[in-house]
Protein backbone atom coordinates (compact mmCIF):
# COMPACT_ATOMS: atom_id res chain seq x y z
CA MET A 1 144.42 74.66 94.38
CA ALA A 2 147.73 73.02 94.03
CA LEU A 3 147.84 74.17 90.36
CA PHE A 4 146.85 77.78 91.37
CA ALA A 5 149.57 77.85 94.02
CA VAL A 6 152.28 76.66 91.67
CA GLY A 7 151.23 79.44 89.18
CA VAL A 8 151.24 82.12 91.81
CA SER A 9 154.68 81.00 93.06
CA ILE A 10 156.00 80.85 89.33
CA SER A 11 154.59 84.36 88.70
CA ALA A 12 156.14 85.75 91.91
CA GLY A 13 159.48 84.28 90.94
CA ALA A 14 159.25 85.86 87.51
CA LYS A 15 158.58 89.38 88.95
CA GLU A 16 161.46 89.06 91.43
CA GLN A 17 163.71 88.48 88.43
CA GLY A 18 162.49 91.55 86.76
CA ILE A 19 160.47 89.81 84.17
CA GLU A 20 157.62 92.01 82.74
CA SER A 21 154.25 90.88 83.98
CA LEU A 22 151.62 89.72 81.55
CA SER A 23 148.60 91.84 80.73
CA PRO A 24 145.84 90.69 80.85
CA GLU A 25 146.45 87.93 83.34
CA HIS A 26 142.96 87.00 84.26
CA GLU A 27 140.34 85.23 81.94
CA VAL A 28 136.73 84.42 82.64
CA LYS A 29 134.81 82.31 79.95
CA PHE A 30 131.43 80.72 79.50
CA MET A 31 131.19 77.58 77.42
CA ILE A 32 128.50 75.34 75.73
CA GLY A 33 129.66 71.81 74.82
CA ALA A 34 128.02 69.17 72.81
CA PHE A 35 128.28 65.31 73.59
CA PRO A 36 129.64 65.53 77.18
CA ILE A 37 131.34 62.41 78.53
CA LEU A 38 131.11 61.74 82.16
CA PHE A 39 133.97 59.21 82.69
CA ASN A 40 131.77 56.34 83.40
CA GLY A 41 131.53 55.82 79.63
CA TRP A 42 129.08 57.92 77.90
CA ALA A 43 126.44 59.41 80.09
CA LYS A 44 124.15 56.32 79.63
CA ASP A 45 125.00 52.66 79.08
CA GLY A 46 123.48 53.15 75.43
CA CYS A 47 121.30 50.04 75.61
CA GLY A 48 118.08 51.49 77.10
CA MET A 49 117.39 48.50 79.12
CA ILE A 50 116.97 47.67 82.79
CA TYR A 51 118.52 44.38 84.04
CA PRO A 52 116.89 43.52 87.45
CA ASN A 53 117.70 40.50 89.57
CA PHE A 54 114.92 38.11 89.57
CA SER A 55 113.26 38.73 92.96
CA ASN A 56 109.83 39.75 94.06
CA GLU A 57 110.82 43.24 94.96
CA ASN A 58 112.15 43.91 91.42
CA TYR A 59 109.47 42.13 89.44
CA GLU A 60 107.88 45.44 88.32
CA GLN A 61 111.18 46.39 86.59
CA LEU A 62 110.64 43.40 84.21
CA LEU A 63 107.80 45.45 82.73
CA MET A 64 109.76 48.56 82.18
CA PHE A 65 112.23 49.94 79.65
CA LYS A 66 113.85 53.47 79.53
CA GLU A 67 114.83 56.09 76.97
CA SER A 68 117.81 58.38 77.84
CA SER A 69 119.01 61.74 76.72
CA VAL A 70 121.80 64.21 77.74
CA SER A 71 121.83 67.84 77.69
CA ALA A 72 124.59 70.03 76.46
CA ALA A 73 127.25 70.83 78.94
CA TYR A 74 127.23 74.39 80.34
CA SER A 75 130.65 75.55 81.95
CA LEU A 76 131.99 78.63 83.47
CA GLY A 77 135.77 78.90 83.70
CA TYR A 78 138.38 81.17 85.19
CA SER A 79 142.17 81.00 84.39
CA TYR A 80 145.22 82.88 85.49
CA GLN A 81 147.98 83.30 82.94
CA VAL A 82 151.31 82.62 84.84
CA LEU A 83 153.61 82.67 81.70
CA LYS A 84 153.01 83.47 78.09
CA TRP A 85 152.46 79.72 77.41
CA LEU A 86 151.07 78.46 80.77
CA SER A 87 147.77 79.22 82.53
CA VAL A 88 146.13 77.61 85.50
CA GLY A 89 142.49 77.76 86.69
CA ALA A 90 139.31 75.92 87.23
CA THR A 91 135.99 75.17 85.51
CA LEU A 92 132.52 74.59 86.92
CA SER A 93 130.29 72.37 84.65
CA TYR A 94 126.66 71.31 84.58
CA VAL A 95 125.11 68.50 82.55
CA LYS A 96 121.53 67.16 82.90
CA GLU A 97 120.66 63.48 82.04
CA SER A 98 117.00 62.65 81.53
CA GLU A 99 115.42 59.16 81.82
CA ASP A 100 111.85 58.35 80.86
CA TYR A 101 110.57 54.91 82.00
CA TYR A 102 107.84 53.26 79.89
CA ASN A 103 105.49 50.14 80.31
CA ARG A 104 106.52 47.48 77.85
CA ILE A 105 103.02 46.28 77.17
CA ASP A 106 101.24 49.75 76.27
CA SER A 107 104.43 51.99 75.99
CA LYS A 108 102.71 54.44 78.49
CA ILE A 109 105.12 56.49 80.55
CA ILE A 110 105.58 55.29 84.12
CA GLU A 111 108.02 57.91 85.46
CA GLU A 112 110.10 60.75 84.27
CA SER A 113 113.53 61.34 86.20
CA SER A 114 116.62 63.29 85.66
CA ILE A 115 120.19 63.32 86.96
CA SER A 116 121.89 66.58 87.54
CA ASN A 117 125.73 66.49 87.31
CA PHE A 118 127.84 69.16 88.74
CA ALA A 119 131.64 69.16 88.36
CA ILE A 120 134.46 71.40 89.52
CA VAL A 121 137.66 70.69 87.46
CA PRO A 122 141.14 72.36 88.14
CA THR A 123 142.75 72.92 84.79
CA ILE A 124 146.23 73.80 83.30
CA ARG A 125 146.39 75.12 79.85
CA PHE A 126 149.38 75.16 77.52
CA THR A 127 149.31 77.91 74.81
CA TYR A 128 151.63 77.21 71.87
CA LEU A 129 150.60 80.39 69.84
CA ASN A 130 149.99 83.50 71.76
CA ARG A 131 149.28 86.56 69.62
CA PRO A 132 147.24 89.67 70.48
CA MET A 133 144.18 88.49 68.49
CA VAL A 134 144.70 84.73 68.19
CA ARG A 135 145.81 81.99 70.80
CA LEU A 136 146.11 78.30 70.01
CA TYR A 137 146.18 76.01 72.97
CA SER A 138 145.56 72.56 74.63
CA GLN A 139 144.29 71.96 78.13
CA LEU A 140 144.08 69.38 80.81
CA GLY A 141 141.71 69.10 83.78
CA LEU A 142 140.88 66.70 86.47
CA GLY A 143 138.39 67.14 89.30
CA VAL A 144 135.29 66.04 91.03
CA ARG A 145 131.66 65.50 89.91
CA LEU A 146 128.59 65.35 92.11
CA ARG A 147 125.30 63.52 90.84
CA TYR A 148 121.80 64.23 92.13
CA HIS A 149 119.03 61.70 91.08
CA ASN A 150 115.49 62.97 91.68
CA SER A 151 113.81 59.49 90.90
CA GLU A 152 112.27 57.40 93.61
CA ILE A 153 113.64 54.25 91.86
CA TYR A 154 117.12 55.42 92.94
CA SER A 155 118.74 56.93 95.91
CA THR A 156 118.88 60.80 96.10
CA LYS A 157 122.43 60.73 97.40
CA THR A 158 125.12 62.85 95.66
CA PRO A 159 128.28 60.62 95.45
CA ALA A 160 131.46 62.13 94.32
CA ARG A 161 133.05 60.85 91.17
CA VAL A 162 136.19 61.46 89.21
CA SER A 163 135.71 63.96 86.38
CA GLY A 164 137.88 65.59 83.82
CA ASN A 165 138.37 67.15 80.44
CA ILE A 166 141.04 67.10 77.78
CA THR A 167 141.15 69.79 75.08
CA TYR A 168 143.19 68.47 72.24
CA PHE A 169 142.98 71.71 70.25
CA GLY A 170 141.47 74.99 71.00
CA VAL A 171 141.49 78.41 69.33
CA SER A 172 140.41 81.85 70.73
CA VAL A 173 139.98 85.05 68.75
CA GLY A 174 139.86 88.49 70.25
CA LYS A 175 141.69 90.62 72.75
CA LYS A 176 139.64 91.60 75.89
CA PHE A 177 136.37 90.15 74.57
CA PHE A 178 136.99 86.89 72.62
CA GLY A 179 135.30 83.88 71.13
CA SER A 180 136.63 80.32 71.11
CA MET A 181 136.09 76.84 69.76
CA GLU A 182 137.58 73.50 71.18
CA PHE A 183 137.85 69.83 70.23
CA ALA A 184 137.95 68.00 73.46
CA SER A 185 136.55 64.95 75.42
CA GLY A 186 135.18 64.94 78.91
CA ILE A 187 132.52 66.60 80.99
CA GLN A 188 132.67 69.92 79.04
CA GLY A 189 131.89 68.09 75.67
CA VAL A 190 133.47 66.99 72.46
CA ILE A 191 132.81 70.23 70.40
CA VAL A 192 132.78 73.30 72.78
CA PHE A 193 131.94 76.94 71.81
CA GLY A 194 132.66 79.79 74.28
CA GLY A 195 133.00 83.38 74.78
CA GLY A 196 134.78 85.42 77.60
CA TYR A 197 136.61 88.55 78.89
CA ARG A 198 140.24 89.05 79.77
CA PHE A 199 141.34 91.69 82.36
């Protein structure tokens, strides 16, 4: 919200000074990203093991191991172009983490569970090449992520966590309708493909 307020104030100041407004100013984009990073390391600890404390109530966990997987990141973003080289906006992202728990003795599945991650990330984009058909840019974003775990093993609370994304290099091709590709790190993925509309 702060970034958006700054953008609107800059835009208003530019118009008061007689600077021609940009057109189109608004952009809506849908993205799919591979290998999302959830800012607590990778989405999983990577070892596929459970380390319980040695008490009676956790004894059953000694007989379990887990396998984990992470879906692609699905994101919907909006941005407002304040200046030719500057845009502000926000992105809503969804990532699903899946966990399957198995018995160590016979490898039979004990429970299937999943974690749904929802993140809203305000963004600021710096465009260093802005042409009618091609744009090159980098982007920074920092926001909040909510997690929902459906397993009975864990709490079903949805604690808020810090989330963000850094686009090191992005390219979009097209005028009103466009396609894009980004190399990034964060909730939206490492390799991100998208498409959108400007108006």
